[in-house]
Amino acid sequence: DRLRCGKLHLVDLAGAESAKMAMTSGEGLREACHINTGLSCLGNVIAALNSQSSHVPFRDDKLTMFLADSLGGNARTTMIANISPERASFAHTASTLRFAQRVNRV
């Protein structure tokens, strides 16, 4: 008999925040910067995993540190990409689909 352990992380990654589009300032602007930094670091981790790099920068951000055991090793990860059919959202939709494609290669 082998003991099996599992984890389930449900994480809403939010979209990349544009200060100009969101019209944020002060605390909202700082939060948007943190979101963008976390997504950028997650992108770097995904790229390192795709290239089978000897160094994966999990420690660059709290988000990637939190997800490290779910992204590496023999973990199974599912990403659900929320996209919009609106013409005004084309750039965000295309960016989301490119990110999902990179995640799919891991």
N, C-alpha and C. Protein backbone atom coordinates (compact mmCIF):
# COMPACT_ATOMS: atom_id res chain seq x y z
N ASP A 1 0.83 -1.19 0.00
CA ASP A 1 0.00 0.00 0.00
C ASP A 1 0.87 1.25 0.00
N ARG A 2 0.59 2.13 -0.95
CA ARG A 2 1.32 3.38 -1.04
C ARG A 2 0.40 4.53 -0.65
N LEU A 3 0.94 5.44 0.08
CA LEU A 3 0.20 6.62 0.48
C LEU A 3 0.26 7.65 -0.64
N ARG A 4 -0.88 8.15 -1.03
CA ARG A 4 -0.93 9.17 -2.07
C ARG A 4 -1.44 10.46 -1.47
N CYS A 5 -0.86 11.53 -1.91
CA CYS A 5 -1.23 12.85 -1.42
C CYS A 5 -1.53 13.73 -2.62
N GLY A 6 -2.53 14.54 -2.52
CA GLY A 6 -2.87 15.43 -3.62
C GLY A 6 -3.15 16.84 -3.13
N LYS A 7 -3.03 17.78 -4.05
CA LYS A 7 -3.33 19.18 -3.77
C LYS A 7 -4.20 19.71 -4.89
N LEU A 8 -5.06 20.62 -4.54
CA LEU A 8 -5.87 21.29 -5.54
C LEU A 8 -5.76 22.79 -5.29
N HIS A 9 -5.22 23.49 -6.27
CA HIS A 9 -5.12 24.95 -6.20
C HIS A 9 -6.06 25.53 -7.24
N LEU A 10 -6.96 26.39 -6.82
CA LEU A 10 -7.79 27.14 -7.75
C LEU A 10 -7.33 28.59 -7.66
N VAL A 11 -6.73 29.08 -8.73
CA VAL A 11 -6.12 30.40 -8.71
C VAL A 11 -6.70 31.23 -9.85
N ASP A 12 -7.25 32.38 -9.51
CA ASP A 12 -7.70 33.33 -10.51
C ASP A 12 -6.53 34.26 -10.82
N LEU A 13 -5.95 34.11 -11.98
CA LEU A 13 -4.75 34.87 -12.32
C LEU A 13 -5.04 36.31 -12.73
N ALA A 14 -6.29 36.65 -12.97
CA ALA A 14 -6.67 38.00 -13.40
C ALA A 14 -5.96 38.32 -14.72
N GLY A 15 -6.42 39.33 -15.36
CA GLY A 15 -5.81 39.71 -16.62
C GLY A 15 -4.68 40.68 -16.40
N ALA A 16 -3.87 40.84 -17.41
CA ALA A 16 -2.83 41.86 -17.34
C ALA A 16 -3.54 43.21 -17.23
N GLU A 17 -3.15 43.98 -16.28
CA GLU A 17 -3.83 45.24 -16.01
C GLU A 17 -3.12 46.40 -16.69
N SER A 18 -3.86 47.13 -17.47
CA SER A 18 -3.34 48.34 -18.09
C SER A 18 -3.84 49.53 -17.27
N ALA A 19 -2.92 50.29 -16.75
CA ALA A 19 -3.28 51.44 -15.91
C ALA A 19 -4.14 52.44 -16.70
N LYS A 20 -3.81 52.62 -17.97
CA LYS A 20 -4.56 53.57 -18.79
C LYS A 20 -6.00 53.08 -19.00
N MET A 21 -6.17 51.78 -19.32
CA MET A 21 -7.51 51.25 -19.57
C MET A 21 -8.33 51.16 -18.29
N ALA A 22 -7.70 50.77 -17.19
CA ALA A 22 -8.42 50.61 -15.93
C ALA A 22 -8.61 51.94 -15.21
N MET A 23 -7.91 52.99 -15.67
CA MET A 23 -7.97 54.31 -15.06
C MET A 23 -7.71 54.23 -13.56
N THR A 24 -6.64 53.54 -13.20
CA THR A 24 -6.31 53.37 -11.79
C THR A 24 -5.24 54.33 -11.37
N SER A 25 -5.23 54.58 -10.07
CA SER A 25 -4.17 55.39 -9.47
C SER A 25 -4.04 54.96 -8.03
N GLY A 26 -2.96 55.35 -7.39
CA GLY A 26 -2.76 55.03 -5.99
C GLY A 26 -2.68 53.54 -5.73
N GLU A 27 -3.50 53.05 -4.79
CA GLU A 27 -3.50 51.64 -4.40
C GLU A 27 -3.87 50.72 -5.56
N GLY A 28 -4.82 51.15 -6.38
CA GLY A 28 -5.22 50.35 -7.54
C GLY A 28 -4.09 50.19 -8.53
N LEU A 29 -3.31 51.23 -8.71
CA LEU A 29 -2.17 51.17 -9.62
C LEU A 29 -1.10 50.22 -9.09
N ARG A 30 -0.86 50.26 -7.77
CA ARG A 30 0.12 49.34 -7.18
C ARG A 30 -0.35 47.89 -7.34
N GLU A 31 -1.64 47.65 -7.15
CA GLU A 31 -2.18 46.29 -7.31
C GLU A 31 -2.03 45.82 -8.75
N ALA A 32 -2.31 46.71 -9.71
CA ALA A 32 -2.15 46.37 -11.13
C ALA A 32 -0.70 46.02 -11.44
N CYS A 33 0.24 46.75 -10.83
CA CYS A 33 1.66 46.46 -11.04
C CYS A 33 2.03 45.09 -10.48
N HIS A 34 1.48 44.74 -9.30
CA HIS A 34 1.74 43.42 -8.71
C HIS A 34 1.17 42.31 -9.58
N ILE A 35 -0.02 42.53 -10.12
CA ILE A 35 -0.64 41.54 -11.01
C ILE A 35 0.25 41.33 -12.23
N ASN A 36 0.68 42.41 -12.85
CA ASN A 36 1.53 42.31 -14.04
C ASN A 36 2.86 41.63 -13.73
N THR A 37 3.44 41.96 -12.57
CA THR A 37 4.71 41.34 -12.18
C THR A 37 4.53 39.84 -11.98
N GLY A 38 3.45 39.45 -11.29
CA GLY A 38 3.19 38.03 -11.06
C GLY A 38 2.98 37.27 -12.35
N LEU A 39 2.22 37.85 -13.28
CA LEU A 39 1.99 37.19 -14.57
C LEU A 39 3.27 37.10 -15.39
N SER A 40 4.08 38.14 -15.32
CA SER A 40 5.36 38.13 -16.03
C SER A 40 6.28 37.03 -15.47
N CYS A 41 6.35 36.94 -14.14
CA CYS A 41 7.18 35.89 -13.51
C CYS A 41 6.64 34.51 -13.84
N LEU A 42 5.32 34.36 -13.86
CA LEU A 42 4.73 33.07 -14.23
C LEU A 42 5.09 32.72 -15.67
N GLY A 43 5.07 33.73 -16.54
CA GLY A 43 5.49 33.51 -17.93
C GLY A 43 6.93 33.06 -18.02
N ASN A 44 7.81 33.64 -17.19
CA ASN A 44 9.22 33.23 -17.17
C ASN A 44 9.38 31.79 -16.70
N VAL A 45 8.60 31.40 -15.69
CA VAL A 45 8.64 30.03 -15.20
C VAL A 45 8.17 29.07 -16.28
N ILE A 46 7.08 29.42 -16.95
CA ILE A 46 6.54 28.58 -18.03
C ILE A 46 7.59 28.43 -19.14
N ALA A 47 8.24 29.53 -19.50
CA ALA A 47 9.28 29.48 -20.55
C ALA A 47 10.44 28.59 -20.13
N ALA A 48 10.86 28.69 -18.86
CA ALA A 48 11.97 27.86 -18.37
C ALA A 48 11.58 26.38 -18.37
N LEU A 49 10.35 26.09 -17.98
CA LEU A 49 9.89 24.69 -17.99
C LEU A 49 9.80 24.16 -19.41
N ASN A 50 9.33 24.99 -20.34
CA ASN A 50 9.23 24.57 -21.75
C ASN A 50 10.60 24.27 -22.34
N SER A 51 11.60 25.06 -21.98
CA SER A 51 12.94 24.87 -22.53
C SER A 51 13.75 23.86 -21.73
N GLN A 52 13.14 23.29 -20.69
CA GLN A 52 13.80 22.32 -19.81
C GLN A 52 15.10 22.89 -19.25
N SER A 53 15.03 24.16 -18.87
CA SER A 53 16.17 24.86 -18.30
C SER A 53 16.60 24.22 -16.99
N SER A 54 17.88 24.31 -16.68
CA SER A 54 18.37 23.76 -15.41
C SER A 54 17.94 24.64 -14.24
N HIS A 55 17.61 25.91 -14.51
CA HIS A 55 17.12 26.81 -13.46
C HIS A 55 15.73 27.32 -13.82
N VAL A 56 14.77 27.06 -12.94
CA VAL A 56 13.41 27.56 -13.11
C VAL A 56 13.20 28.62 -12.02
N PRO A 57 12.89 29.86 -12.40
CA PRO A 57 12.84 30.96 -11.43
C PRO A 57 11.55 31.01 -10.59
N PHE A 58 11.28 29.94 -9.85
CA PHE A 58 10.08 29.90 -9.01
C PHE A 58 10.11 30.97 -7.92
N ARG A 59 11.30 31.36 -7.45
CA ARG A 59 11.41 32.26 -6.30
C ARG A 59 11.31 33.74 -6.67
N ASP A 60 11.04 34.04 -7.93
CA ASP A 60 10.98 35.44 -8.36
C ASP A 60 9.72 36.17 -7.91
N ASP A 61 8.67 35.43 -7.54
CA ASP A 61 7.41 36.06 -7.16
C ASP A 61 6.64 35.14 -6.22
N LYS A 62 5.80 35.71 -5.36
CA LYS A 62 5.00 34.90 -4.44
C LYS A 62 4.10 33.93 -5.18
N LEU A 63 3.54 34.37 -6.31
CA LEU A 63 2.65 33.50 -7.08
C LEU A 63 3.38 32.26 -7.57
N THR A 64 4.56 32.43 -8.14
CA THR A 64 5.29 31.29 -8.67
C THR A 64 5.84 30.39 -7.56
N MET A 65 6.17 30.99 -6.41
CA MET A 65 6.59 30.16 -5.28
C MET A 65 5.42 29.31 -4.80
N PHE A 66 4.23 29.89 -4.74
CA PHE A 66 3.03 29.19 -4.31
C PHE A 66 2.67 28.05 -5.25
N LEU A 67 2.87 28.27 -6.56
CA LEU A 67 2.49 27.27 -7.56
C LEU A 67 3.62 26.32 -7.95
N ALA A 68 4.79 26.45 -7.35
CA ALA A 68 5.96 25.68 -7.76
C ALA A 68 5.70 24.18 -7.81
N ASP A 69 5.11 23.60 -6.77
CA ASP A 69 4.90 22.15 -6.77
C ASP A 69 3.76 21.73 -7.70
N SER A 70 2.95 22.68 -8.14
CA SER A 70 1.88 22.37 -9.08
C SER A 70 2.33 22.50 -10.54
N LEU A 71 3.42 23.19 -10.76
CA LEU A 71 3.90 23.39 -12.13
C LEU A 71 5.04 22.45 -12.50
N GLY A 72 5.86 22.07 -11.55
CA GLY A 72 7.01 21.22 -11.83
C GLY A 72 6.76 19.77 -11.45
N GLY A 73 7.74 18.95 -11.72
CA GLY A 73 7.66 17.54 -11.34
C GLY A 73 6.61 16.78 -12.12
N ASN A 74 5.90 15.90 -11.41
CA ASN A 74 4.90 15.08 -12.08
C ASN A 74 3.48 15.59 -11.84
N ALA A 75 3.34 16.88 -11.58
CA ALA A 75 2.04 17.49 -11.33
C ALA A 75 1.24 17.57 -12.63
N ARG A 76 -0.06 17.55 -12.47
CA ARG A 76 -0.96 17.77 -13.61
C ARG A 76 -1.61 19.12 -13.40
N THR A 77 -1.50 19.97 -14.39
CA THR A 77 -2.00 21.33 -14.28
C THR A 77 -2.98 21.61 -15.41
N THR A 78 -4.08 22.23 -15.06
CA THR A 78 -5.08 22.63 -16.04
C THR A 78 -5.25 24.13 -15.98
N MET A 79 -5.28 24.76 -17.14
CA MET A 79 -5.53 26.19 -17.20
C MET A 79 -6.81 26.42 -17.99
N ILE A 80 -7.67 27.23 -17.43
CA ILE A 80 -8.90 27.62 -18.12
C ILE A 80 -8.73 29.09 -18.51
N ALA A 81 -8.76 29.35 -19.79
CA ALA A 81 -8.58 30.72 -20.29
C ALA A 81 -9.95 31.33 -20.56
N ASN A 82 -10.23 32.44 -19.92
CA ASN A 82 -11.49 33.15 -20.12
C ASN A 82 -11.27 34.23 -21.17
N ILE A 83 -11.91 34.08 -22.32
CA ILE A 83 -11.71 35.03 -23.41
C ILE A 83 -13.04 35.66 -23.80
N SER A 84 -12.97 36.73 -24.53
CA SER A 84 -14.16 37.48 -24.93
C SER A 84 -14.27 37.54 -26.45
N PRO A 85 -15.49 37.40 -26.97
CA PRO A 85 -15.68 37.53 -28.41
C PRO A 85 -15.79 38.98 -28.88
N GLU A 86 -15.78 39.93 -27.94
CA GLU A 86 -15.93 41.34 -28.29
C GLU A 86 -14.73 41.86 -29.07
N ARG A 87 -14.99 42.63 -30.09
CA ARG A 87 -13.93 43.21 -30.91
C ARG A 87 -13.01 44.09 -30.08
N ALA A 88 -13.57 44.80 -29.11
CA ALA A 88 -12.77 45.69 -28.26
C ALA A 88 -11.80 44.92 -27.37
N SER A 89 -12.05 43.63 -27.16
CA SER A 89 -11.20 42.80 -26.30
C SER A 89 -10.22 41.94 -27.08
N PHE A 90 -10.09 42.20 -28.38
CA PHE A 90 -9.26 41.34 -29.22
C PHE A 90 -7.83 41.21 -28.71
N ALA A 91 -7.21 42.33 -28.35
CA ALA A 91 -5.81 42.28 -27.91
C ALA A 91 -5.65 41.43 -26.65
N HIS A 92 -6.55 41.59 -25.68
CA HIS A 92 -6.48 40.80 -24.45
C HIS A 92 -6.76 39.33 -24.73
N THR A 93 -7.72 39.06 -25.61
CA THR A 93 -8.04 37.69 -25.96
C THR A 93 -6.86 37.01 -26.64
N ALA A 94 -6.24 37.69 -27.58
CA ALA A 94 -5.07 37.13 -28.28
C ALA A 94 -3.93 36.87 -27.30
N SER A 95 -3.69 37.80 -26.39
CA SER A 95 -2.64 37.64 -25.39
C SER A 95 -2.94 36.45 -24.48
N THR A 96 -4.18 36.31 -24.05
CA THR A 96 -4.58 35.18 -23.20
C THR A 96 -4.38 33.86 -23.92
N LEU A 97 -4.76 33.80 -25.18
CA LEU A 97 -4.61 32.56 -25.95
C LEU A 97 -3.13 32.20 -26.17
N ARG A 98 -2.29 33.21 -26.39
CA ARG A 98 -0.85 32.93 -26.53
C ARG A 98 -0.28 32.39 -25.22
N PHE A 99 -0.70 32.97 -24.09
CA PHE A 99 -0.24 32.51 -22.78
C PHE A 99 -0.71 31.08 -22.54
N ALA A 100 -1.97 30.79 -22.85
CA ALA A 100 -2.51 29.44 -22.67
C ALA A 100 -1.77 28.44 -23.55
N GLN A 101 -1.38 28.85 -24.75
CA GLN A 101 -0.62 27.97 -25.64
C GLN A 101 0.74 27.65 -25.04
N ARG A 102 1.39 28.65 -24.43
CA ARG A 102 2.69 28.39 -23.78
C ARG A 102 2.52 27.45 -22.59
N VAL A 103 1.46 27.64 -21.82
CA VAL A 103 1.20 26.76 -20.67
C VAL A 103 0.94 25.34 -21.15
N ASN A 104 0.27 25.20 -22.26
CA ASN A 104 -0.08 23.88 -22.80
C ASN A 104 1.16 23.07 -23.17
N ARG A 105 2.27 23.73 -23.47
CA ARG A 105 3.50 23.03 -23.88
C ARG A 105 4.27 22.42 -22.71
N VAL A 106 3.92 22.81 -21.48
CA VAL A 106 4.66 22.31 -20.31
C VAL A 106 4.34 20.85 -20.11
